[in-house]
Amino acid sequence: MQITVGAELAVSSNYEKGVHPGAAGITQAVLIRATNVFRKENGAWEMIGHHADLLPSLVK
């Protein structure tokens, strides 16, 4: 995980690993890249953006 923090904005980049329940009860392992953007509002960090995509090696 990589985190960059400023006075009012922060960005985290990381990988998320899990299992996705697919059609017909077939599960598939999932490994994605994720980027989250946070803004400090009233002293608390609030997520204001999220993006995720499959790693290119998993795209068929």
PDB file of N, CA and C in Angstrom:
ATOM      1  N   MET A   1       0.845  -1.169   0.000  1.00  0.00           N
ATOM      2  CA  MET A   1       0.000   0.000   0.000  1.00  0.00           C
ATOM      3  C   MET A   1       0.891   1.232   0.000  1.00  0.00           C
ATOM      4  N   GLN A   2       0.526   2.192  -0.817  1.00  0.00           N
ATOM      5  CA  GLN A   2       1.235   3.471  -0.841  1.00  0.00           C
ATOM      6  C   GLN A   2       0.222   4.554  -0.471  1.00  0.00           C
ATOM      7  N   ILE A   3       0.612   5.427   0.446  1.00  0.00           N
ATOM      8  CA  ILE A   3      -0.277   6.494   0.916  1.00  0.00           C
ATOM      9  C   ILE A   3       0.440   7.829   0.793  1.00  0.00           C
ATOM     10  N   THR A   4      -0.247   8.797   0.213  1.00  0.00           N
ATOM     11  CA  THR A   4       0.255  10.164   0.114  1.00  0.00           C
ATOM     12  C   THR A   4      -0.745  11.053   0.838  1.00  0.00           C
ATOM     13  N   VAL A   5      -0.255  11.831   1.811  1.00  0.00           N
ATOM     14  CA  VAL A   5      -1.152  12.645   2.632  1.00  0.00           C
ATOM     15  C   VAL A   5      -0.747  14.105   2.563  1.00  0.00           C
ATOM     16  N   GLY A   6      -1.735  14.961   2.308  1.00  0.00           N
ATOM     17  CA  GLY A   6      -1.549  16.400   2.348  1.00  0.00           C
ATOM     18  C   GLY A   6      -2.378  16.967   3.488  1.00  0.00           C
ATOM     19  N   ALA A   7      -2.478  18.279   3.534  1.00  0.00           N
ATOM     20  CA  ALA A   7      -3.230  18.917   4.615  1.00  0.00           C
ATOM     21  C   ALA A   7      -4.712  18.561   4.571  1.00  0.00           C
ATOM     22  N   GLU A   8      -5.284  18.489   3.363  1.00  0.00           N
ATOM     23  CA  GLU A   8      -6.725  18.239   3.252  1.00  0.00           C
ATOM     24  C   GLU A   8      -7.097  17.098   2.322  1.00  0.00           C
ATOM     25  N   LEU A   9      -6.125  16.568   1.563  1.00  0.00           N
ATOM     26  CA  LEU A   9      -6.380  15.445   0.661  1.00  0.00           C
ATOM     27  C   LEU A   9      -5.377  14.327   0.903  1.00  0.00           C
ATOM     28  N   ALA A  10      -5.821  13.096   0.678  1.00  0.00           N
ATOM     29  CA  ALA A  10      -4.943  11.932   0.783  1.00  0.00           C
ATOM     30  C   ALA A  10      -5.326  10.939  -0.310  1.00  0.00           C
ATOM     31  N   VAL A  11      -4.320  10.194  -0.796  1.00  0.00           N
ATOM     32  CA  VAL A  11      -4.552   9.180  -1.819  1.00  0.00           C
ATOM     33  C   VAL A  11      -3.868   7.896  -1.374  1.00  0.00           C
ATOM     34  N   SER A  12      -4.587   6.787  -1.497  1.00  0.00           N
ATOM     35  CA  SER A  12      -3.977   5.485  -1.215  1.00  0.00           C
ATOM     36  C   SER A  12      -4.096   4.625  -2.468  1.00  0.00           C
ATOM     37  N   SER A  13      -3.024   3.900  -2.767  1.00  0.00           N
ATOM     38  CA  SER A  13      -2.994   2.958  -3.886  1.00  0.00           C
ATOM     39  C   SER A  13      -2.610   1.606  -3.326  1.00  0.00           C
ATOM     40  N   ASN A  14      -3.355   0.582  -3.701  1.00  0.00           N
ATOM     41  CA  ASN A  14      -3.086  -0.739  -3.148  1.00  0.00           C
ATOM     42  C   ASN A  14      -3.681  -1.824  -4.036  1.00  0.00           C
ATOM     43  N   TYR A  15      -3.439  -3.081  -3.645  1.00  0.00           N
ATOM     44  CA  TYR A  15      -4.047  -4.234  -4.296  1.00  0.00           C
ATOM     45  C   TYR A  15      -5.097  -4.794  -3.363  1.00  0.00           C
ATOM     46  N   GLU A  16      -6.187  -5.282  -3.933  1.00  0.00           N
ATOM     47  CA  GLU A  16      -7.235  -5.930  -3.155  1.00  0.00           C
ATOM     48  C   GLU A  16      -7.394  -7.344  -3.693  1.00  0.00           C
ATOM     49  N   LYS A  17      -7.422  -8.314  -2.781  1.00  0.00           N
ATOM     50  CA  LYS A  17      -7.494  -9.713  -3.166  1.00  0.00           C
ATOM     51  C   LYS A  17      -8.738 -10.320  -2.529  1.00  0.00           C
ATOM     52  N   GLY A  18      -9.462 -11.106  -3.295  1.00  0.00           N
ATOM     53  CA  GLY A  18     -10.658 -11.736  -2.754  1.00  0.00           C
ATOM     54  C   GLY A  18     -11.209 -12.785  -3.687  1.00  0.00           C
ATOM     55  N   VAL A  19     -12.459 -13.158  -3.442  1.00  0.00           N
ATOM     56  CA  VAL A  19     -13.150 -14.154  -4.249  1.00  0.00           C
ATOM     57  C   VAL A  19     -14.474 -13.553  -4.691  1.00  0.00           C
ATOM     58  N   HIS A  20     -14.779 -13.709  -5.968  1.00  0.00           N
ATOM     59  CA  HIS A  20     -16.026 -13.187  -6.523  1.00  0.00           C
ATOM     60  C   HIS A  20     -16.961 -14.346  -6.829  1.00  0.00           C
ATOM     61  N   PRO A  21     -18.170 -14.332  -6.238  1.00  0.00           N
ATOM     62  CA  PRO A  21     -19.127 -15.393  -6.566  1.00  0.00           C
ATOM     63  C   PRO A  21     -19.734 -15.133  -7.942  1.00  0.00           C
ATOM     64  N   GLY A  22     -19.414 -15.970  -8.884  1.00  0.00           N
ATOM     65  CA  GLY A  22     -19.886 -15.766 -10.249  1.00  0.00           C
ATOM     66  C   GLY A  22     -21.184 -16.510 -10.531  1.00  0.00           C
ATOM     67  N   ALA A  23     -21.544 -16.534 -11.801  1.00  0.00           N
ATOM     68  CA  ALA A  23     -22.764 -17.198 -12.239  1.00  0.00           C
ATOM     69  C   ALA A  23     -22.687 -18.701 -11.968  1.00  0.00           C
ATOM     70  N   ALA A  24     -23.816 -19.305 -11.758  1.00  0.00           N
ATOM     71  CA  ALA A  24     -23.933 -20.757 -11.561  1.00  0.00           C
ATOM     72  C   ALA A  24     -23.123 -21.257 -10.364  1.00  0.00           C
ATOM     73  N   GLY A  25     -22.868 -20.378  -9.388  1.00  0.00           N
ATOM     74  CA  GLY A  25     -22.162 -20.783  -8.181  1.00  0.00           C
ATOM     75  C   GLY A  25     -20.673 -21.000  -8.347  1.00  0.00           C
ATOM     76  N   ILE A  26     -20.109 -20.596  -9.482  1.00  0.00           N
ATOM     77  CA  ILE A  26     -18.671 -20.753  -9.721  1.00  0.00           C
ATOM     78  C   ILE A  26     -17.958 -19.516  -9.180  1.00  0.00           C
ATOM     79  N   THR A  27     -16.996 -19.725  -8.276  1.00  0.00           N
ATOM     80  CA  THR A  27     -16.257 -18.592  -7.717  1.00  0.00           C
ATOM     81  C   THR A  27     -14.955 -18.391  -8.483  1.00  0.00           C
ATOM     82  N   GLN A  28     -14.497 -17.152  -8.471  1.00  0.00           N
ATOM     83  CA  GLN A  28     -13.272 -16.805  -9.187  1.00  0.00           C
ATOM     84  C   GLN A  28     -12.423 -15.925  -8.289  1.00  0.00           C
ATOM     85  N   ALA A  29     -11.122 -16.235  -8.217  1.00  0.00           N
ATOM     86  CA  ALA A  29     -10.194 -15.395  -7.461  1.00  0.00           C
ATOM     87  C   ALA A  29     -10.065 -14.046  -8.174  1.00  0.00           C
ATOM     88  N   VAL A  30     -10.011 -12.989  -7.396  1.00  0.00           N
ATOM     89  CA  VAL A  30      -9.924 -11.638  -7.950  1.00  0.00           C
ATOM     90  C   VAL A  30      -8.742 -10.915  -7.301  1.00  0.00           C
ATOM     91  N   LEU A  31      -7.906 -10.290  -8.119  1.00  0.00           N
ATOM     92  CA  LEU A  31      -6.821  -9.449  -7.643  1.00  0.00           C
ATOM     93  C   LEU A  31      -6.900  -8.158  -8.440  1.00  0.00           C
ATOM     94  N   ILE A  32      -7.194  -7.052  -7.761  1.00  0.00           N
ATOM     95  CA  ILE A  32      -7.395  -5.782  -8.455  1.00  0.00           C
ATOM     96  C   ILE A  32      -6.488  -4.704  -7.884  1.00  0.00           C
ATOM     97  N   ARG A  33      -6.248  -3.687  -8.713  1.00  0.00           N
ATOM     98  CA  ARG A  33      -5.571  -2.470  -8.255  1.00  0.00           C
ATOM     99  C   ARG A  33      -6.668  -1.525  -7.796  1.00  0.00           C
ATOM    100  N   ALA A  34      -6.399  -0.791  -6.742  1.00  0.00           N
ATOM    101  CA  ALA A  34      -7.397   0.161  -6.251  1.00  0.00           C
ATOM    102  C   ALA A  34      -6.727   1.468  -5.871  1.00  0.00           C
ATOM    103  N   THR A  35      -7.422   2.551  -6.128  1.00  0.00           N
ATOM    104  CA  THR A  35      -6.990   3.887  -5.733  1.00  0.00           C
ATOM    105  C   THR A  35      -8.148   4.542  -5.006  1.00  0.00           C
ATOM    106  N   ASN A  36      -7.868   5.086  -3.835  1.00  0.00           N
ATOM    107  CA  ASN A  36      -8.881   5.772  -3.033  1.00  0.00           C
ATOM    108  C   ASN A  36      -8.426   7.203  -2.769  1.00  0.00           C
ATOM    109  N   VAL A  37      -9.366   8.130  -2.831  1.00  0.00           N
ATOM    110  CA  VAL A  37      -9.077   9.536  -2.568  1.00  0.00           C
ATOM    111  C   VAL A  37      -9.918   9.972  -1.366  1.00  0.00           C
ATOM    112  N   PHE A  38      -9.263  10.629  -0.414  1.00  0.00           N
ATOM    113  CA  PHE A  38      -9.924  11.087   0.808  1.00  0.00           C
ATOM    114  C   PHE A  38      -9.773  12.591   0.954  1.00  0.00           C
ATOM    115  N   ARG A  39     -10.773  13.221   1.568  1.00  0.00           N
ATOM    116  CA  ARG A  39     -10.720  14.652   1.876  1.00  0.00           C
ATOM    117  C   ARG A  39     -11.041  14.815   3.355  1.00  0.00           C
ATOM    118  N   LYS A  40     -10.294  15.682   4.021  1.00  0.00           N
ATOM    119  CA  LYS A  40     -10.550  15.945   5.435  1.00  0.00           C
ATOM    120  C   LYS A  40     -11.727  16.918   5.536  1.00  0.00           C
ATOM    121  N   GLU A  41     -12.788  16.474   6.196  1.00  0.00           N
ATOM    122  CA  GLU A  41     -13.989  17.287   6.386  1.00  0.00           C
ATOM    123  C   GLU A  41     -14.328  17.316   7.865  1.00  0.00           C
ATOM    124  N   ASN A  42     -14.337  18.509   8.435  1.00  0.00           N
ATOM    125  CA  ASN A  42     -14.641  18.673   9.865  1.00  0.00           C
ATOM    126  C   ASN A  42     -13.756  17.792  10.742  1.00  0.00           C
ATOM    127  N   GLY A  43     -12.490  17.676  10.364  1.00  0.00           N
ATOM    128  CA  GLY A  43     -11.518  16.931  11.168  1.00  0.00           C
ATOM    129  C   GLY A  43     -11.500  15.428  10.931  1.00  0.00           C
ATOM    130  N   ALA A  44     -12.361  14.908  10.042  1.00  0.00           N
ATOM    131  CA  ALA A  44     -12.415  13.469   9.778  1.00  0.00           C
ATOM    132  C   ALA A  44     -12.147  13.215   8.301  1.00  0.00           C
ATOM    133  N   TRP A  45     -11.448  12.120   7.998  1.00  0.00           N
ATOM    134  CA  TRP A  45     -11.170  11.749   6.612  1.00  0.00           C
ATOM    135  C   TRP A  45     -12.383  11.052   6.018  1.00  0.00           C
ATOM    136  N   GLU A  46     -12.870  11.566   4.885  1.00  0.00           N
ATOM    137  CA  GLU A  46     -14.016  10.997   4.177  1.00  0.00           C
ATOM    138  C   GLU A  46     -13.569  10.565   2.792  1.00  0.00           C
ATOM    139  N   MET A  47     -13.943   9.344   2.382  1.00  0.00           N
ATOM    140  CA  MET A  47     -13.600   8.887   1.042  1.00  0.00           C
ATOM    141  C   MET A  47     -14.468   9.628   0.029  1.00  0.00           C
ATOM    142  N   ILE A  48     -13.816  10.237  -0.959  1.00  0.00           N
ATOM    143  CA  ILE A  48     -14.559  10.968  -1.986  1.00  0.00           C
ATOM    144  C   ILE A  48     -14.386  10.359  -3.375  1.00  0.00           C
ATOM    145  N   GLY A  49     -13.522   9.365  -3.496  1.00  0.00           N
ATOM    146  CA  GLY A  49     -13.334   8.715  -4.792  1.00  0.00           C
ATOM    147  C   GLY A  49     -12.733   7.335  -4.632  1.00  0.00           C
ATOM    148  N   HIS A  50     -13.153   6.424  -5.493  1.00  0.00           N
ATOM    149  CA  HIS A  50     -12.626   5.054  -5.482  1.00  0.00           C
ATOM    150  C   HIS A  50     -12.585   4.560  -6.920  1.00  0.00           C
ATOM    151  N   HIS A  51     -11.470   3.953  -7.302  1.00  0.00           N
ATOM    152  CA  HIS A  51     -11.365   3.334  -8.622  1.00  0.00           C
ATOM    153  C   HIS A  51     -10.648   2.010  -8.463  1.00  0.00           C
ATOM    154  N   ALA A  52     -11.137   0.992  -9.169  1.00  0.00           N
ATOM    155  CA  ALA A  52     -10.489  -0.320  -9.138  1.00  0.00           C
ATOM    156  C   ALA A  52     -10.561  -0.938 -10.522  1.00  0.00           C
ATOM    157  N   ASP A  53      -9.535  -1.717 -10.868  1.00  0.00           N
ATOM    158  CA  ASP A  53      -9.555  -2.471 -12.110  1.00  0.00           C
ATOM    159  C   ASP A  53      -8.729  -3.739 -11.948  1.00  0.00           C
ATOM    160  N   LEU A  54      -9.006  -4.723 -12.808  1.00  0.00           N
ATOM    161  CA  LEU A  54      -8.251  -5.969 -12.779  1.00  0.00           C
ATOM    162  C   LEU A  54      -6.808  -5.718 -13.187  1.00  0.00           C
ATOM    163  N   LEU A  55      -5.921  -6.475 -12.627  1.00  0.00           N
ATOM    164  CA  LEU A  55      -4.532  -6.423 -13.084  1.00  0.00           C
ATOM    165  C   LEU A  55      -4.492  -6.921 -14.526  1.00  0.00           C
ATOM    166  N   PRO A  56      -3.693  -6.292 -15.368  1.00  0.00           N
ATOM    167  CA  PRO A  56      -3.641  -6.688 -16.794  1.00  0.00           C
ATOM    168  C   PRO A  56      -3.358  -8.167 -17.001  1.00  0.00           C
ATOM    169  N   SER A  57      -2.593  -8.788 -16.110  1.00  0.00           N
ATOM    170  CA  SER A  57      -2.267 -10.207 -16.269  1.00  0.00           C
ATOM    171  C   SER A  57      -3.488 -11.107 -16.073  1.00  0.00           C
ATOM    172  N   LEU A  58      -4.559 -10.591 -15.457  1.00  0.00           N
ATOM    173  CA  LEU A  58      -5.763 -11.399 -15.242  1.00  0.00           C
ATOM    174  C   LEU A  58      -6.849 -11.165 -16.285  1.00  0.00           C
ATOM    175  N   VAL A  59      -6.668 -10.167 -17.115  1.00  0.00           N
ATOM    176  CA  VAL A  59      -7.665  -9.873 -18.153  1.00  0.00           C
ATOM    177  C   VAL A  59      -7.499 -10.856 -19.296  1.00  0.00           C
ATOM    178  N   LYS A  60      -8.600 -11.472 -19.684  1.00  0.00           N
ATOM    179  CA  LYS A  60      -8.527 -12.477 -20.764  1.00  0.00           C
ATOM    180  C   LYS A  60      -8.861 -11.854 -22.087  1.00  0.00           C
TER     181      LYS A  60
END
